[in-house]
Amino acid sequence: MPELLTALDTTVLVEHGTFDLLDDGGPQRAGMDFADRARWLAAGPNAVTVRSAAAWDHVAALRLEVWDGPAPDQPGWADRRDAQARFDSGLVEVNPLVDAGEDEEAVELAPGRYAVRAYVAGRDELLAVQHQPDADLDGIERYLIQFWPVEQ
């Protein structure tokens, strides 16, 4: 049975409708197709990009998990997407381009290719209140992103 190696519970600033998980070990390209609103996860060399349901800046809850094999399915989430990424250094930072200079939050994994499974909840709730002037958008959208190594 796969084992959870590490987890990080944090929040992330969703700026201009997206946030990134980046490895500075090499060129980064997640390949997000911004014309396709249904596609909210993209991954590629040294990058994972997540698109929020809302274009407004807000803070989302985020949990990152690193597993030694395929992570078990997680019930109770509104949607799930799967992708693959390659990480050259293995230090994957949360939204490192936002608030540059502050301590970055990150997970460490061995360099290589990884399955990326992402879950989201709160997208419909966020869309329902995003245009209300007094609405507090922070924490409505929630993400779980899991990584595990795949064969080279």
C-alpha atoms as a PDB file:
ATOM      1  CA  MET A   1       0.000   0.000   0.000  1.00  0.00           C
ATOM      2  CA  PRO A   2       1.403   3.443  -0.896  1.00  0.00           C
ATOM      3  CA  GLU A   3       2.711   5.538   1.961  1.00  0.00           C
ATOM      4  CA  LEU A   4       2.369   9.284   2.501  1.00  0.00           C
ATOM      5  CA  LEU A   5       5.920  10.660   2.738  1.00  0.00           C
ATOM      6  CA  THR A   6       5.252  14.325   3.451  1.00  0.00           C
ATOM      7  CA  ALA A   7       2.416  16.853   3.482  1.00  0.00           C
ATOM      8  CA  LEU A   8       2.157  20.622   3.547  1.00  0.00           C
ATOM      9  CA  ASP A   9      -0.999  22.455   4.620  1.00  0.00           C
ATOM     10  CA  THR A  10      -0.956  26.096   3.625  1.00  0.00           C
ATOM     11  CA  THR A  11      -2.795  28.840   1.824  1.00  0.00           C
ATOM     12  CA  VAL A  12      -1.982  30.276  -1.577  1.00  0.00           C
ATOM     13  CA  LEU A  13      -2.654  33.654  -3.134  1.00  0.00           C
ATOM     14  CA  VAL A  14      -4.628  33.125  -6.319  1.00  0.00           C
ATOM     15  CA  GLU A  15      -3.604  36.102  -8.418  1.00  0.00           C
ATOM     16  CA  HIS A  16      -5.226  36.886 -11.771  1.00  0.00           C
ATOM     17  CA  GLY A  17      -7.092  33.586 -11.475  1.00  0.00           C
ATOM     18  CA  THR A  18      -4.113  31.211 -11.170  1.00  0.00           C
ATOM     19  CA  PHE A  19      -1.355  29.923  -8.954  1.00  0.00           C
ATOM     20  CA  ASP A  20       1.753  27.882  -9.678  1.00  0.00           C
ATOM     21  CA  LEU A  21       3.926  25.196  -8.164  1.00  0.00           C
ATOM     22  CA  LEU A  22       7.417  25.653  -9.615  1.00  0.00           C
ATOM     23  CA  ASP A  23      10.808  23.944  -9.546  1.00  0.00           C
ATOM     24  CA  ASP A  24      13.668  26.321 -10.389  1.00  0.00           C
ATOM     25  CA  GLY A  25      15.870  23.391 -11.460  1.00  0.00           C
ATOM     26  CA  GLY A  26      15.241  23.952 -15.159  1.00  0.00           C
ATOM     27  CA  PRO A  27      12.960  25.508 -17.762  1.00  0.00           C
ATOM     28  CA  GLN A  28       9.315  25.689 -16.658  1.00  0.00           C
ATOM     29  CA  ARG A  29       6.319  25.030 -18.878  1.00  0.00           C
ATOM     30  CA  ALA A  30       2.896  23.894 -17.733  1.00  0.00           C
ATOM     31  CA  GLY A  31       1.048  24.540 -21.009  1.00  0.00           C
ATOM     32  CA  MET A  32      -2.207  25.988 -19.647  1.00  0.00           C
ATOM     33  CA  ASP A  33      -4.845  26.544 -22.349  1.00  0.00           C
ATOM     34  CA  PHE A  34      -6.562  29.657 -21.025  1.00  0.00           C
ATOM     35  CA  ALA A  35      -9.322  29.415 -23.668  1.00  0.00           C
ATOM     36  CA  ASP A  36     -10.571  26.141 -22.168  1.00  0.00           C
ATOM     37  CA  ARG A  37     -12.265  27.153 -18.884  1.00  0.00           C
ATOM     38  CA  ALA A  38     -13.009  23.514 -17.975  1.00  0.00           C
ATOM     39  CA  ARG A  39      -9.298  22.693 -17.858  1.00  0.00           C
ATOM     40  CA  TRP A  40      -8.109  23.924 -14.471  1.00  0.00           C
ATOM     41  CA  LEU A  41      -4.893  21.876 -14.086  1.00  0.00           C
ATOM     42  CA  ALA A  42      -1.826  21.861 -16.321  1.00  0.00           C
ATOM     43  CA  ALA A  43       1.575  20.322 -15.671  1.00  0.00           C
ATOM     44  CA  GLY A  44       4.851  19.966 -17.520  1.00  0.00           C
ATOM     45  CA  PRO A  45       8.567  20.395 -17.007  1.00  0.00           C
ATOM     46  CA  ASN A  46       9.159  21.955 -13.575  1.00  0.00           C
ATOM     47  CA  ALA A  47       5.678  23.488 -13.368  1.00  0.00           C
ATOM     48  CA  VAL A  48       2.119  22.885 -12.262  1.00  0.00           C
ATOM     49  CA  THR A  49      -0.442  25.615 -12.950  1.00  0.00           C
ATOM     50  CA  VAL A  50      -3.875  25.694 -11.333  1.00  0.00           C
ATOM     51  CA  ARG A  51      -6.660  27.948 -12.591  1.00  0.00           C
ATOM     52  CA  SER A  52      -9.268  29.138 -10.137  1.00  0.00           C
ATOM     53  CA  ALA A  53     -12.961  29.337 -10.898  1.00  0.00           C
ATOM     54  CA  ALA A  54     -12.757  33.095 -10.249  1.00  0.00           C
ATOM     55  CA  ALA A  55     -10.592  35.705 -11.921  1.00  0.00           C
ATOM     56  CA  TRP A  56     -10.571  37.809  -8.725  1.00  0.00           C
ATOM     57  CA  ASP A  57      -7.594  37.644  -6.402  1.00  0.00           C
ATOM     58  CA  HIS A  58      -8.262  35.594  -3.296  1.00  0.00           C
ATOM     59  CA  VAL A  59      -6.633  33.111  -0.952  1.00  0.00           C
ATOM     60  CA  ALA A  60      -7.294  29.398  -1.395  1.00  0.00           C
ATOM     61  CA  ALA A  61      -6.611  26.560   1.027  1.00  0.00           C
ATOM     62  CA  LEU A  62      -3.953  24.161  -0.301  1.00  0.00           C
ATOM     63  CA  ARG A  63      -2.651  20.789   0.804  1.00  0.00           C
ATOM     64  CA  LEU A  64       0.303  19.205  -0.987  1.00  0.00           C
ATOM     65  CA  GLU A  65       1.116  15.538  -0.489  1.00  0.00           C
ATOM     66  CA  VAL A  66       4.080  13.450  -1.636  1.00  0.00           C
ATOM     67  CA  TRP A  67       3.500   9.698  -1.842  1.00  0.00           C
ATOM     68  CA  ASP A  68       5.829   6.790  -2.604  1.00  0.00           C
ATOM     69  CA  GLY A  69       3.256   5.250  -4.986  1.00  0.00           C
ATOM     70  CA  PRO A  70      -0.213   5.974  -6.401  1.00  0.00           C
ATOM     71  CA  ALA A  71      -2.166   7.918  -3.790  1.00  0.00           C
ATOM     72  CA  PRO A  72      -5.539   6.473  -2.766  1.00  0.00           C
ATOM     73  CA  ASP A  73      -8.625   8.197  -4.155  1.00  0.00           C
ATOM     74  CA  GLN A  74     -10.017  10.929  -1.927  1.00  0.00           C
ATOM     75  CA  PRO A  75     -13.825  11.144  -1.691  1.00  0.00           C
ATOM     76  CA  GLY A  76     -15.698  14.344  -0.945  1.00  0.00           C
ATOM     77  CA  TRP A  77     -14.099  16.624  -3.533  1.00  0.00           C
ATOM     78  CA  ALA A  78     -16.083  18.307  -6.316  1.00  0.00           C
ATOM     79  CA  ASP A  79     -13.645  17.538  -9.148  1.00  0.00           C
ATOM     80  CA  ARG A  80     -10.397  15.707  -9.880  1.00  0.00           C
ATOM     81  CA  ARG A  81      -7.767  16.099 -12.592  1.00  0.00           C
ATOM     82  CA  ASP A  82      -4.657  14.051 -13.398  1.00  0.00           C
ATOM     83  CA  ALA A  83      -1.449  15.093 -15.149  1.00  0.00           C
ATOM     84  CA  GLN A  84       2.287  14.385 -15.184  1.00  0.00           C
ATOM     85  CA  ALA A  85       5.246  16.639 -14.509  1.00  0.00           C
ATOM     86  CA  ARG A  86       9.019  16.407 -14.386  1.00  0.00           C
ATOM     87  CA  PHE A  87      10.924  18.107 -11.591  1.00  0.00           C
ATOM     88  CA  ASP A  88      14.642  18.683 -12.136  1.00  0.00           C
ATOM     89  CA  SER A  89      15.734  19.719  -8.624  1.00  0.00           C
ATOM     90  CA  GLY A  90      12.831  18.286  -6.619  1.00  0.00           C
ATOM     91  CA  LEU A  91      12.203  21.482  -4.648  1.00  0.00           C
ATOM     92  CA  VAL A  92       8.654  22.437  -5.640  1.00  0.00           C
ATOM     93  CA  GLU A  93       7.717  25.915  -4.392  1.00  0.00           C
ATOM     94  CA  VAL A  94       4.206  27.235  -3.875  1.00  0.00           C
ATOM     95  CA  ASN A  95       3.551  30.364  -5.975  1.00  0.00           C
ATOM     96  CA  PRO A  96       7.161  31.583  -5.733  1.00  0.00           C
ATOM     97  CA  LEU A  97       6.617  34.602  -8.018  1.00  0.00           C
ATOM     98  CA  VAL A  98       4.031  36.174  -5.687  1.00  0.00           C
ATOM     99  CA  ASP A  99       5.460  38.194  -2.781  1.00  0.00           C
ATOM    100  CA  ALA A 100       9.010  37.441  -3.910  1.00  0.00           C
ATOM    101  CA  GLY A 101      11.531  37.749  -1.135  1.00  0.00           C
ATOM    102  CA  GLU A 102       9.404  36.188   1.587  1.00  0.00           C
ATOM    103  CA  ASP A 103      10.055  32.668   2.787  1.00  0.00           C
ATOM    104  CA  GLU A 104       8.664  30.325   0.186  1.00  0.00           C
ATOM    105  CA  GLU A 105       6.690  27.246   1.124  1.00  0.00           C
ATOM    106  CA  ALA A 106       7.725  24.090  -0.682  1.00  0.00           C
ATOM    107  CA  VAL A 107       7.751  20.329  -0.729  1.00  0.00           C
ATOM    108  CA  GLU A 108      10.842  18.307  -1.492  1.00  0.00           C
ATOM    109  CA  LEU A 109      10.837  15.187  -3.598  1.00  0.00           C
ATOM    110  CA  ALA A 110      13.467  13.296  -5.552  1.00  0.00           C
ATOM    111  CA  PRO A 111      14.143  14.728  -9.013  1.00  0.00           C
ATOM    112  CA  GLY A 112      12.249  12.880 -11.754  1.00  0.00           C
ATOM    113  CA  ARG A 113       8.833  12.311 -13.330  1.00  0.00           C
ATOM    114  CA  TYR A 114       5.697  12.452 -11.188  1.00  0.00           C
ATOM    115  CA  ALA A 115       2.022  11.777 -11.457  1.00  0.00           C
ATOM    116  CA  VAL A 116       0.071  14.839 -10.346  1.00  0.00           C
ATOM    117  CA  ARG A 117      -3.459  14.374  -9.038  1.00  0.00           C
ATOM    118  CA  ALA A 118      -5.425  17.448  -8.045  1.00  0.00           C
ATOM    119  CA  TYR A 119      -8.753  17.747  -6.270  1.00  0.00           C
ATOM    120  CA  VAL A 120     -10.799  20.905  -5.841  1.00  0.00           C
ATOM    121  CA  ALA A 121     -13.841  21.977  -3.843  1.00  0.00           C
ATOM    122  CA  GLY A 122     -15.601  25.300  -3.410  1.00  0.00           C
ATOM    123  CA  ARG A 123     -15.516  26.425  -7.057  1.00  0.00           C
ATOM    124  CA  ASP A 124     -19.292  26.786  -7.383  1.00  0.00           C
ATOM    125  CA  GLU A 125     -19.515  28.558  -4.019  1.00  0.00           C
ATOM    126  CA  LEU A 126     -16.770  30.959  -5.072  1.00  0.00           C
ATOM    127  CA  LEU A 127     -18.500  31.766  -8.360  1.00  0.00           C
ATOM    128  CA  ALA A 128     -21.757  32.410  -6.515  1.00  0.00           C
ATOM    129  CA  VAL A 129     -20.274  35.169  -4.338  1.00  0.00           C
ATOM    130  CA  GLN A 130     -17.322  36.557  -6.328  1.00  0.00           C
ATOM    131  CA  HIS A 131     -19.205  39.635  -7.561  1.00  0.00           C
ATOM    132  CA  GLN A 132     -20.736  40.523  -4.198  1.00  0.00           C
ATOM    133  CA  PRO A 133     -18.863  43.618  -3.000  1.00  0.00           C
ATOM    134  CA  ASP A 134     -18.722  42.583   0.664  1.00  0.00           C
ATOM    135  CA  ALA A 135     -17.977  38.905   0.085  1.00  0.00           C
ATOM    136  CA  ASP A 136     -14.877  37.446   1.709  1.00  0.00           C
ATOM    137  CA  LEU A 137     -13.503  35.077  -0.949  1.00  0.00           C
ATOM    138  CA  ASP A 138     -10.622  33.738   1.141  1.00  0.00           C
ATOM    139  CA  GLY A 139     -10.725  30.033   1.941  1.00  0.00           C
ATOM    140  CA  ILE A 140     -13.788  29.212  -0.160  1.00  0.00           C
ATOM    141  CA  GLU A 141     -11.783  27.394  -2.831  1.00  0.00           C
ATOM    142  CA  ARG A 142      -9.793  24.393  -1.556  1.00  0.00           C
ATOM    143  CA  TYR A 143      -7.208  22.198  -3.285  1.00  0.00           C
ATOM    144  CA  LEU A 144      -5.457  18.911  -2.601  1.00  0.00           C
ATOM    145  CA  ILE A 145      -2.521  18.169  -4.911  1.00  0.00           C
ATOM    146  CA  GLN A 146      -0.746  14.827  -4.689  1.00  0.00           C
ATOM    147  CA  PHE A 147       2.540  13.713  -6.254  1.00  0.00           C
ATOM    148  CA  TRP A 148       4.086  10.275  -6.682  1.00  0.00           C
ATOM    149  CA  PRO A 149       6.929   9.001  -8.872  1.00  0.00           C
ATOM    150  CA  VAL A 150       6.226   7.337 -12.202  1.00  0.00           C
ATOM    151  CA  GLU A 151       8.498   5.137 -14.279  1.00  0.00           C
ATOM    152  CA  GLN A 152      11.033   7.042 -16.376  1.00  0.00           C
END
